Amino acid sequence: MMTRVEYLNTHVFPRAVANGAFGPDALYESFEVDSDVVSADHFASDIVFGTVKLRDAEPCPVVIKFKNTDPIMSAKMNMHEKFYNEYVFYSRLLPELARRAADPEAAFALFPRFVYSNVTHDGGDGDDEQVIVVASITPAGYRMPEKRIFLDVEHVLLALRKLGTLHGLSYNAKAHPDGLRTFIDLTAVLVETQWFDGYWYKSPRFLSGTGNRGLNALRNSEVGGEYADRLNRIRALLDGNSETMTRLLRPVEPMAVLCHGDYCRNNMMFRYDADTGRPVDMTMIDPAQARYASPAIDLSFFLYMNTTDADRLAHWDDYVAAYLAGVADVAADGCAALSVAEDVHNEMREYVMYGYAYCSFFLPAMINTKPPDVENLATVTDDELIDKINECGGPDADRLLASIVKHMVDRRYL
């Protein structure tokens, strides 16, 4: 049976070069794996780093994404849908944002350069051999942040300004005479990645089953009595399960934007000043869960997933200001539906539950010292999966989720 490296060398890259992915006159020589580069914290896909060598041209460092080798796990993670969305994002949606932008190159620079994909809507033959190839930005000095979960204020401010830029490009595109209809038609091509068998993450009770953990932890804390009424209201939202998530993910004009959909530290690469070590630029990766929805979908997940409670208390207004600055960087005068802090707070009041819902299962997994047992997760029942999530991370996860709930209530978002 052909290995994946052989497949890349004999099928993918000869075809990509012939299709002009490396320039109109490029001639293929070989592909070599870079075994010194290791991908971390990407559970659902397999990543290969390497270099495409061309005749009489500079070598091209690339990153190749394959679906998980376990077909059961791949199906549980909706990997075909995610691959298709990532392909659509790179090949159609980002080019549309750039086409409407005042500085197209800056729009494209938000992500690594898209090189090639053989992904199809129907999955094609041999799903495990579908690939997405992008240019590697590691040689340019970009890398994952050292902090695995909670980023410092400088990283957060930079990431928020970039997120504002991405969202602002949507407002800019929609402001053109034919922009709104064109944009809605394009984003309609995206397929759902979070619904399985009619339910959010497959279970009729996934939201309530995982989301109540933070509520219970806050209720049982020293200050729990002060939050009893609010917690009861939040619990009612959780009990809505898939209906609640359907409402949260439904786009509403004029605020809706093209969201990254999984905006967190794991999908960011930073470049650092050689002398000070401070972050000076950031690139987003893996827009596999892109969707057209409220900007608070990205904001709420990132801000509750990757900031500490202390930094949220001290810098929340700074975070909102950094995001709005990014929107203003690219949105033409008067076209941004979000322009002042109160606009952001209003969106958070409507959609903040999304960020908490996602953190309820992802944050415990990330603070766990052991990596997830992928083989085991592929075979457990839905109820067993919820139980495992609620055990993951122990008391530390309880405390972190409770702090998120407390902050949402204190900010009057819920």
Protein backbone atom coordinates (compact mmCIF):
# COMPACT_ATOMS: atom_id res chain seq x y z
CA MET A 1 0.00 0.00 0.00
CA MET A 2 1.31 3.44 -0.93
CA THR A 3 2.44 5.60 2.00
CA ARG A 4 1.25 9.15 2.32
CA VAL A 5 4.69 10.51 1.50
CA GLU A 6 4.80 8.38 -1.66
CA TYR A 7 1.32 9.63 -2.51
CA LEU A 8 2.44 13.23 -2.14
CA ASN A 9 5.57 12.62 -4.22
CA THR A 10 3.94 10.75 -7.06
CA HIS A 11 0.40 12.13 -7.19
CA VAL A 12 -0.33 15.32 -5.27
CA PHE A 13 2.61 17.54 -6.07
CA PRO A 14 3.13 16.53 -9.71
CA ARG A 15 -0.54 17.37 -10.23
CA ALA A 16 -0.31 20.61 -8.22
CA VAL A 17 2.70 21.78 -10.24
CA ALA A 18 0.99 20.86 -13.52
CA ASN A 19 -2.06 22.88 -12.44
CA GLY A 20 0.08 25.98 -11.89
CA ALA A 21 0.05 26.00 -8.08
CA PHE A 22 3.76 26.90 -8.06
CA GLY A 23 3.76 29.21 -11.06
CA PRO A 24 2.98 28.85 -14.77
CA ASP A 25 6.41 27.57 -15.81
CA ALA A 26 7.30 25.43 -12.77
CA LEU A 27 8.67 21.91 -13.31
CA TYR A 28 8.39 19.35 -10.54
CA GLU A 29 11.39 17.47 -9.19
CA SER A 30 10.57 16.01 -5.77
CA PHE A 31 8.99 16.38 -2.35
CA GLU A 32 10.93 15.87 0.87
CA VAL A 33 9.48 15.58 4.37
CA ASP A 34 10.83 17.86 7.08
CA SER A 35 10.95 15.49 10.04
CA ASP A 36 12.33 18.20 12.33
CA VAL A 37 9.03 20.12 12.40
CA VAL A 38 6.30 18.69 14.63
CA SER A 39 2.66 19.76 14.71
CA ALA A 40 1.06 20.05 18.13
CA ASP A 41 -2.50 20.32 19.47
CA HIS A 42 -4.22 19.27 16.24
CA PHE A 43 -6.21 16.22 17.24
CA ALA A 44 -8.49 15.63 14.29
CA SER A 45 -6.13 15.87 11.32
CA ASP A 46 -2.65 14.68 10.40
CA ILE A 47 -0.09 17.32 9.42
CA VAL A 48 2.99 16.83 7.25
CA PHE A 49 5.69 19.47 6.80
CA GLY A 50 8.02 19.35 3.83
CA THR A 51 9.58 21.03 0.82
CA VAL A 52 8.60 20.90 -2.83
CA LYS A 53 11.67 21.05 -5.06
CA LEU A 54 11.31 22.57 -8.52
CA ARG A 55 13.70 22.59 -11.45
CA ASP A 56 15.63 25.86 -11.76
CA ALA A 57 13.59 27.50 -8.98
CA GLU A 58 13.72 28.08 -5.25
CA PRO A 59 12.36 25.23 -3.09
CA CYS A 60 8.90 25.80 -1.60
CA PRO A 61 8.27 24.89 2.07
CA VAL A 62 4.71 23.62 2.48
CA VAL A 63 2.31 22.25 5.07
CA ILE A 64 -0.01 19.39 4.07
CA LYS A 65 -3.13 18.46 5.99
CA PHE A 66 -4.63 14.95 5.78
CA LYS A 67 -7.75 13.66 7.44
CA ASN A 68 -7.27 11.50 10.52
CA THR A 69 -6.15 7.99 9.56
CA ASP A 70 -8.90 6.48 11.72
CA PRO A 71 -12.07 6.60 9.57
CA ILE A 72 -14.33 6.29 12.64
CA MET A 73 -12.64 9.22 14.35
CA SER A 74 -12.66 11.19 11.11
CA ALA A 75 -16.41 10.66 10.79
CA LYS A 76 -17.00 11.57 14.46
CA MET A 77 -15.18 14.85 13.90
CA ASN A 78 -17.02 15.66 10.63
CA MET A 79 -13.64 15.87 8.94
CA HIS A 80 -14.96 15.74 5.39
CA GLU A 81 -17.15 18.76 6.07
CA LYS A 82 -14.28 20.61 7.74
CA PHE A 83 -11.91 19.88 4.86
CA TYR A 84 -14.47 21.08 2.36
CA ASN A 85 -15.07 24.32 4.29
CA GLU A 86 -11.36 25.02 4.57
CA TYR A 87 -10.97 24.51 0.83
CA VAL A 88 -13.94 26.82 0.13
CA PHE A 89 -12.55 29.44 2.50
CA TYR A 90 -9.12 29.52 0.83
CA SER A 91 -10.28 29.18 -2.77
CA ARG A 92 -13.42 31.35 -2.80
CA LEU A 93 -14.19 33.31 0.35
CA LEU A 94 -10.81 34.84 1.19
CA PRO A 95 -10.31 35.89 -2.46
CA GLU A 96 -13.70 37.64 -2.37
CA LEU A 97 -12.73 39.53 0.79
CA ALA A 98 -9.43 40.50 -0.82
CA ARG A 99 -11.11 41.53 -4.09
CA ARG A 100 -13.23 44.06 -2.24
CA ALA A 101 -10.45 45.26 0.06
CA ALA A 102 -8.46 48.47 -0.34
CA ASP A 103 -5.30 46.39 0.22
CA PRO A 104 -5.84 42.88 -1.18
CA GLU A 105 -2.37 41.69 -0.17
CA ALA A 106 -3.05 42.56 3.47
CA ALA A 107 -6.27 40.55 3.35
CA PHE A 108 -4.50 37.48 1.95
CA ALA A 109 -1.73 37.91 4.54
CA LEU A 110 -4.16 37.08 7.36
CA PHE A 111 -3.64 33.41 6.42
CA PRO A 112 -0.85 31.32 4.90
CA ARG A 113 -0.87 31.29 1.10
CA PHE A 114 -3.18 28.62 -0.26
CA VAL A 115 -1.31 26.30 -2.64
CA TYR A 116 -3.46 23.34 -3.66
CA SER A 117 -6.27 20.99 -2.69
CA ASN A 118 -8.03 18.01 -4.21
CA VAL A 119 -10.98 18.24 -1.81
CA THR A 120 -14.43 17.78 -3.36
CA HIS A 121 -17.92 18.33 -1.99
CA ASP A 122 -18.80 14.63 -2.21
CA GLY A 123 -15.58 13.42 -0.63
CA GLY A 124 -14.32 11.70 -3.75
CA ASP A 125 -12.66 8.30 -3.78
CA GLY A 126 -10.41 7.49 -0.84
CA ASP A 127 -11.22 10.22 1.66
CA ASP A 128 -8.00 9.63 3.60
CA GLU A 129 -6.02 10.88 0.60
CA GLN A 130 -7.72 14.25 0.28
CA VAL A 131 -5.31 17.04 1.15
CA ILE A 132 -5.07 20.77 1.72
CA VAL A 133 -1.69 22.34 1.01
CA VAL A 134 -0.61 25.80 2.17
CA ALA A 135 2.72 27.56 2.16
CA SER A 136 4.74 27.09 5.34
CA ILE A 137 5.27 30.34 7.24
CA THR A 138 7.77 28.80 9.65
CA PRO A 139 10.77 29.93 7.53
CA ALA A 140 9.50 33.51 7.88
CA GLY A 141 9.77 33.21 11.66
CA TYR A 142 6.17 32.37 12.57
CA ARG A 143 5.55 29.82 15.29
CA MET A 144 2.98 28.75 17.82
CA PRO A 145 3.07 30.72 21.09
CA GLU A 146 4.88 29.00 23.95
CA LYS A 147 1.90 29.32 26.25
CA ARG A 148 -0.37 26.39 25.47
CA ILE A 149 -3.63 27.95 26.69
CA PHE A 150 -3.56 31.37 28.33
CA LEU A 151 -1.88 34.09 26.30
CA ASP A 152 -0.41 37.25 27.76
CA VAL A 153 -1.94 40.63 27.07
CA GLU A 154 0.35 41.51 24.14
CA HIS A 155 -0.52 38.30 22.29
CA VAL A 156 -4.22 38.80 22.97
CA LEU A 157 -4.27 42.41 21.77
CA LEU A 158 -2.50 41.46 18.54
CA ALA A 159 -4.81 38.49 17.94
CA LEU A 160 -7.89 40.65 18.54
CA ARG A 161 -6.74 43.34 16.14
CA LYS A 162 -6.22 40.66 13.47
CA LEU A 163 -9.65 39.20 14.20
CA GLY A 164 -11.17 42.65 13.84
CA THR A 165 -9.44 42.94 10.47
CA LEU A 166 -10.95 39.64 9.30
CA HIS A 167 -14.43 40.67 10.41
CA GLY A 168 -14.03 44.19 9.06
CA LEU A 169 -13.32 42.77 5.60
CA SER A 170 -16.83 41.26 5.65
CA TYR A 171 -18.43 44.62 6.37
CA ASN A 172 -16.32 46.16 3.64
CA ALA A 173 -17.35 43.49 1.12
CA LYS A 174 -21.04 43.77 1.99
CA ALA A 175 -20.99 47.56 1.60
CA HIS A 176 -20.51 47.37 -2.19
CA PRO A 177 -23.66 47.73 -4.33
CA ASP A 178 -23.83 44.01 -5.09
CA GLY A 179 -21.77 42.98 -2.10
CA LEU A 180 -24.36 41.69 0.36
CA ARG A 181 -26.09 39.32 -2.06
CA THR A 182 -22.77 38.08 -3.47
CA PHE A 183 -21.37 37.53 0.00
CA ILE A 184 -24.44 35.68 1.28
CA ASP A 185 -24.43 33.45 -1.80
CA LEU A 186 -20.76 32.63 -1.34
CA THR A 187 -20.98 31.88 2.38
CA ALA A 188 -24.01 29.67 1.70
CA VAL A 189 -21.59 27.22 0.08
CA LEU A 190 -20.14 26.45 3.52
CA VAL A 191 -21.48 23.26 5.07
CA GLU A 192 -22.33 22.54 8.70
CA THR A 193 -19.50 21.10 10.80
CA GLN A 194 -20.98 20.98 14.31
CA TRP A 195 -24.22 19.07 13.75
CA PHE A 196 -24.28 15.27 13.80
CA ASP A 197 -27.45 13.28 13.18
CA GLY A 198 -29.54 16.39 13.79
CA TYR A 199 -27.95 17.40 17.10
CA TRP A 200 -25.15 19.73 18.16
CA TYR A 201 -22.19 17.41 18.64
CA LYS A 202 -24.44 14.41 18.10
CA SER A 203 -26.09 14.25 21.52
CA PRO A 204 -29.56 15.64 22.40
CA ARG A 205 -28.01 16.84 25.67
CA PHE A 206 -24.45 17.81 24.76
CA LEU A 207 -24.86 21.49 25.65
CA SER A 208 -26.56 20.90 29.00
CA GLY A 209 -24.43 17.84 29.71
CA THR A 210 -21.15 19.74 29.45
CA GLY A 211 -22.29 23.32 30.10
CA ASN A 212 -23.73 22.76 33.56
CA ARG A 213 -20.28 21.96 34.92
CA GLY A 214 -19.26 25.61 35.20
CA LEU A 215 -22.64 26.61 36.61
CA ASN A 216 -22.47 23.94 39.29
CA ALA A 217 -18.93 24.93 40.21
CA LEU A 218 -19.92 28.58 40.63
CA ARG A 219 -23.07 27.64 42.58
CA ASN A 220 -20.98 25.56 44.99
CA SER A 221 -18.37 28.30 45.49
CA GLU A 222 -18.23 30.83 48.31
CA VAL A 223 -20.03 33.43 46.20
CA GLY A 224 -22.51 31.03 44.62
CA GLY A 225 -25.50 32.37 46.52
CA GLU A 226 -25.12 35.79 44.90
CA TYR A 227 -25.58 34.26 41.44
CA ALA A 228 -28.46 31.83 42.05
CA ASP A 229 -31.11 33.65 39.99
CA ARG A 230 -28.83 34.26 37.03
CA LEU A 231 -27.60 30.68 37.09
CA ASN A 232 -31.17 29.43 36.85
CA ARG A 233 -31.71 31.55 33.73
CA ILE A 234 -28.49 30.30 32.17
CA ARG A 235 -29.45 26.73 32.98
CA ALA A 236 -32.67 27.22 31.02
CA LEU A 237 -30.58 28.25 27.99
CA LEU A 238 -28.42 25.15 28.39
CA ASP A 239 -31.51 22.98 28.58
CA GLY A 240 -32.42 24.25 25.12
CA ASN A 241 -29.46 22.21 23.84
CA SER A 242 -29.44 22.07 20.02
CA GLU A 243 -32.23 24.66 19.72
CA THR A 244 -30.13 27.12 21.72
CA MET A 245 -27.08 26.46 19.53
CA THR A 246 -29.15 26.84 16.36
CA ARG A 247 -30.20 30.32 17.48
CA LEU A 248 -26.66 31.29 18.44
CA LEU A 249 -25.27 30.28 15.07
CA ARG A 250 -27.97 31.87 12.92
CA PRO A 251 -26.61 34.92 11.04
CA VAL A 252 -28.47 38.21 11.57
CA GLU A 253 -27.87 41.29 9.45
CA PRO A 254 -26.20 43.69 9.49
CA MET A 255 -23.85 42.33 12.17
CA ALA A 256 -23.06 38.92 10.63
CA VAL A 257 -19.54 38.35 9.31
CA LEU A 258 -17.43 35.54 7.93
CA CYS A 259 -16.12 34.01 11.16
CA HIS A 260 -13.00 31.89 11.52
CA GLY A 261 -15.19 29.55 13.56
CA ASP A 262 -12.41 28.09 15.72
CA TYR A 263 -10.50 31.19 16.74
CA CYS A 264 -8.15 30.16 19.52
CA ARG A 265 -4.47 29.88 20.33
CA ASN A 266 -4.17 26.52 18.54
CA ASN A 267 -4.98 28.22 15.23
CA MET A 268 -2.57 31.15 15.52
CA MET A 269 1.07 31.57 14.61
CA PHE A 270 3.07 34.59 15.78
CA ARG A 271 6.24 36.27 14.59
CA TYR A 272 8.48 37.78 17.26
CA ASP A 273 10.98 40.63 17.45
CA ALA A 274 14.45 39.09 17.46
CA ASP A 275 15.75 41.47 20.16
CA THR A 276 12.82 41.78 22.55
CA GLY A 277 10.96 38.52 21.94
CA ARG A 278 7.69 40.43 21.78
CA PRO A 279 5.00 39.41 19.25
CA VAL A 280 4.93 41.72 16.23
CA ASP A 281 2.67 39.90 13.79
CA MET A 282 0.18 37.03 13.71
CA THR A 283 -1.28 34.74 11.06
CA MET A 284 -4.42 32.65 11.40
CA ILE A 285 -4.50 29.02 10.30
CA ASP A 286 -7.08 26.25 9.85
CA PRO A 287 -10.35 28.01 8.95
CA ALA A 288 -12.04 24.60 8.74
CA GLN A 289 -15.03 25.69 10.82
CA ALA A 290 -15.60 28.99 9.05
CA ARG A 291 -19.21 30.16 9.09
CA TYR A 292 -21.33 33.21 8.49
CA ALA A 293 -22.52 34.31 11.94
CA SER A 294 -22.23 36.91 14.67
CA PRO A 295 -18.70 38.24 15.27
CA ALA A 296 -19.26 37.30 18.91
CA ILE A 297 -18.87 33.65 17.88
CA ASP A 298 -15.14 34.22 17.41
CA LEU A 299 -14.79 36.85 20.12
CA SER A 300 -16.48 34.94 22.93
CA PHE A 301 -14.62 31.70 22.28
CA PHE A 302 -11.17 33.29 22.04
CA LEU A 303 -11.58 35.65 24.98
CA TYR A 304 -12.85 32.95 27.34
CA MET A 305 -10.62 30.17 26.05
CA ASN A 306 -7.25 31.92 25.95
CA THR A 307 -7.27 34.69 28.57
CA THR A 308 -6.94 34.43 32.33
CA ASP A 309 -9.63 35.65 34.67
CA ALA A 310 -7.24 38.27 36.07
CA ASP A 311 -6.44 39.64 32.61
CA ARG A 312 -10.11 39.70 31.64
CA LEU A 313 -10.89 41.81 34.69
CA ALA A 314 -8.00 44.20 34.07
CA HIS A 315 -8.03 44.50 30.28
CA TRP A 316 -11.51 43.71 28.92
CA ASP A 317 -12.07 47.26 27.62
CA ASP A 318 -8.60 47.21 26.04
CA TYR A 319 -9.43 43.94 24.32
CA VAL A 320 -12.64 45.35 22.87
CA ALA A 321 -10.79 48.48 21.71
CA ALA A 322 -8.10 46.39 19.97
CA TYR A 323 -10.76 44.41 18.12
CA LEU A 324 -12.57 47.56 17.00
CA ALA A 325 -9.27 49.05 15.82
CA GLY A 326 -8.83 46.02 13.55
CA VAL A 327 -12.33 46.48 12.13
CA ALA A 328 -11.60 50.16 11.45
CA ASP A 329 -8.30 49.29 9.74
CA VAL A 330 -10.10 47.78 6.76
CA ALA A 331 -13.76 48.77 6.81
CA ALA A 332 -14.60 51.77 4.67
CA ASP A 333 -16.00 54.78 6.51
CA GLY A 334 -19.49 54.11 7.80
CA CYS A 335 -19.80 50.54 6.54
CA ALA A 336 -18.94 48.65 9.74
CA ALA A 337 -21.96 47.50 11.72
CA LEU A 338 -19.64 47.33 14.72
CA SER A 339 -17.95 50.66 15.37
CA VAL A 340 -18.13 51.39 19.11
CA ALA A 341 -17.69 49.30 22.25
CA GLU A 342 -21.41 49.15 23.00
CA ASP A 343 -21.96 47.42 19.65
CA VAL A 344 -19.60 44.67 20.75
CA HIS A 345 -21.21 44.37 24.18
CA ASN A 346 -24.66 44.07 22.58
CA GLU A 347 -23.46 41.24 20.36
CA MET A 348 -21.92 39.51 23.34
CA ARG A 349 -25.21 39.75 25.22
CA GLU A 350 -26.91 37.90 22.39
CA TYR A 351 -24.24 35.33 21.54
CA VAL A 352 -21.76 34.96 24.41
CA MET A 353 -23.18 31.57 25.31
CA TYR A 354 -21.47 30.15 22.21
CA GLY A 355 -18.00 30.86 23.59
CA TYR A 356 -18.85 29.33 26.95
CA ALA A 357 -20.44 26.28 25.31
CA TYR A 358 -17.28 25.58 23.35
CA CYS A 359 -15.01 26.22 26.34
CA SER A 360 -17.05 23.79 28.43
CA PHE A 361 -15.62 20.83 26.57
CA PHE A 362 -12.45 22.19 24.95
CA LEU A 363 -10.85 23.98 27.91
CA PRO A 364 -10.88 20.87 30.16
CA ALA A 365 -9.28 18.88 27.35
CA MET A 366 -6.52 21.46 26.88
CA ILE A 367 -5.56 21.73 30.55
CA ASN A 368 -5.40 17.96 30.85
CA THR A 369 -1.79 16.82 31.14
CA LYS A 370 -2.45 13.72 29.04
CA PRO A 371 -3.31 14.02 25.33
CA PRO A 372 -6.76 12.77 24.35
CA ASP A 373 -7.12 9.03 23.73
CA VAL A 374 -8.29 9.29 20.13
CA GLU A 375 -8.98 5.58 19.73
CA ASN A 376 -11.11 5.51 22.86
CA LEU A 377 -13.04 8.65 21.89
CA ALA A 378 -13.92 7.04 18.58
CA THR A 379 -15.76 4.17 20.28
CA VAL A 380 -17.54 5.63 23.34
CA THR A 381 -21.26 6.38 23.42
CA ASP A 382 -22.49 9.97 23.48
CA ASP A 383 -23.30 9.79 27.20
CA GLU A 384 -19.92 8.24 27.97
CA LEU A 385 -18.24 11.05 26.06
CA ILE A 386 -20.07 13.67 28.14
CA ASP A 387 -19.02 11.89 31.34
CA LYS A 388 -15.38 11.79 30.20
CA ILE A 389 -15.47 15.51 29.36
CA ASN A 390 -16.89 16.34 32.79
CA GLU A 391 -14.11 14.37 34.49
CA CYS A 392 -11.39 15.92 32.35
CA GLY A 393 -9.21 18.56 34.01
CA GLY A 394 -10.55 17.89 37.52
CA PRO A 395 -11.01 20.76 40.01
CA ASP A 396 -8.86 23.12 37.92
CA ALA A 397 -11.31 22.85 35.04
CA ASP A 398 -14.23 23.38 37.45
CA ARG A 399 -12.63 26.58 38.70
CA LEU A 400 -11.82 27.92 35.22
CA LEU A 401 -15.31 27.28 33.88
CA ALA A 402 -16.87 28.86 36.97
CA SER A 403 -14.73 31.98 36.42
CA ILE A 404 -16.06 32.26 32.85
CA VAL A 405 -19.67 32.03 34.02
CA LYS A 406 -19.01 34.59 36.74
CA HIS A 407 -17.45 37.01 34.26
CA MET A 408 -20.35 36.68 31.81
CA VAL A 409 -22.81 37.45 34.57
CA ASP A 410 -20.76 40.29 36.04
CA ARG A 411 -20.52 41.90 32.60
CA ARG A 412 -24.31 41.59 32.26
CA TYR A 413 -23.89 39.45 29.16
CA LEU A 414 -26.18 36.82 30.66
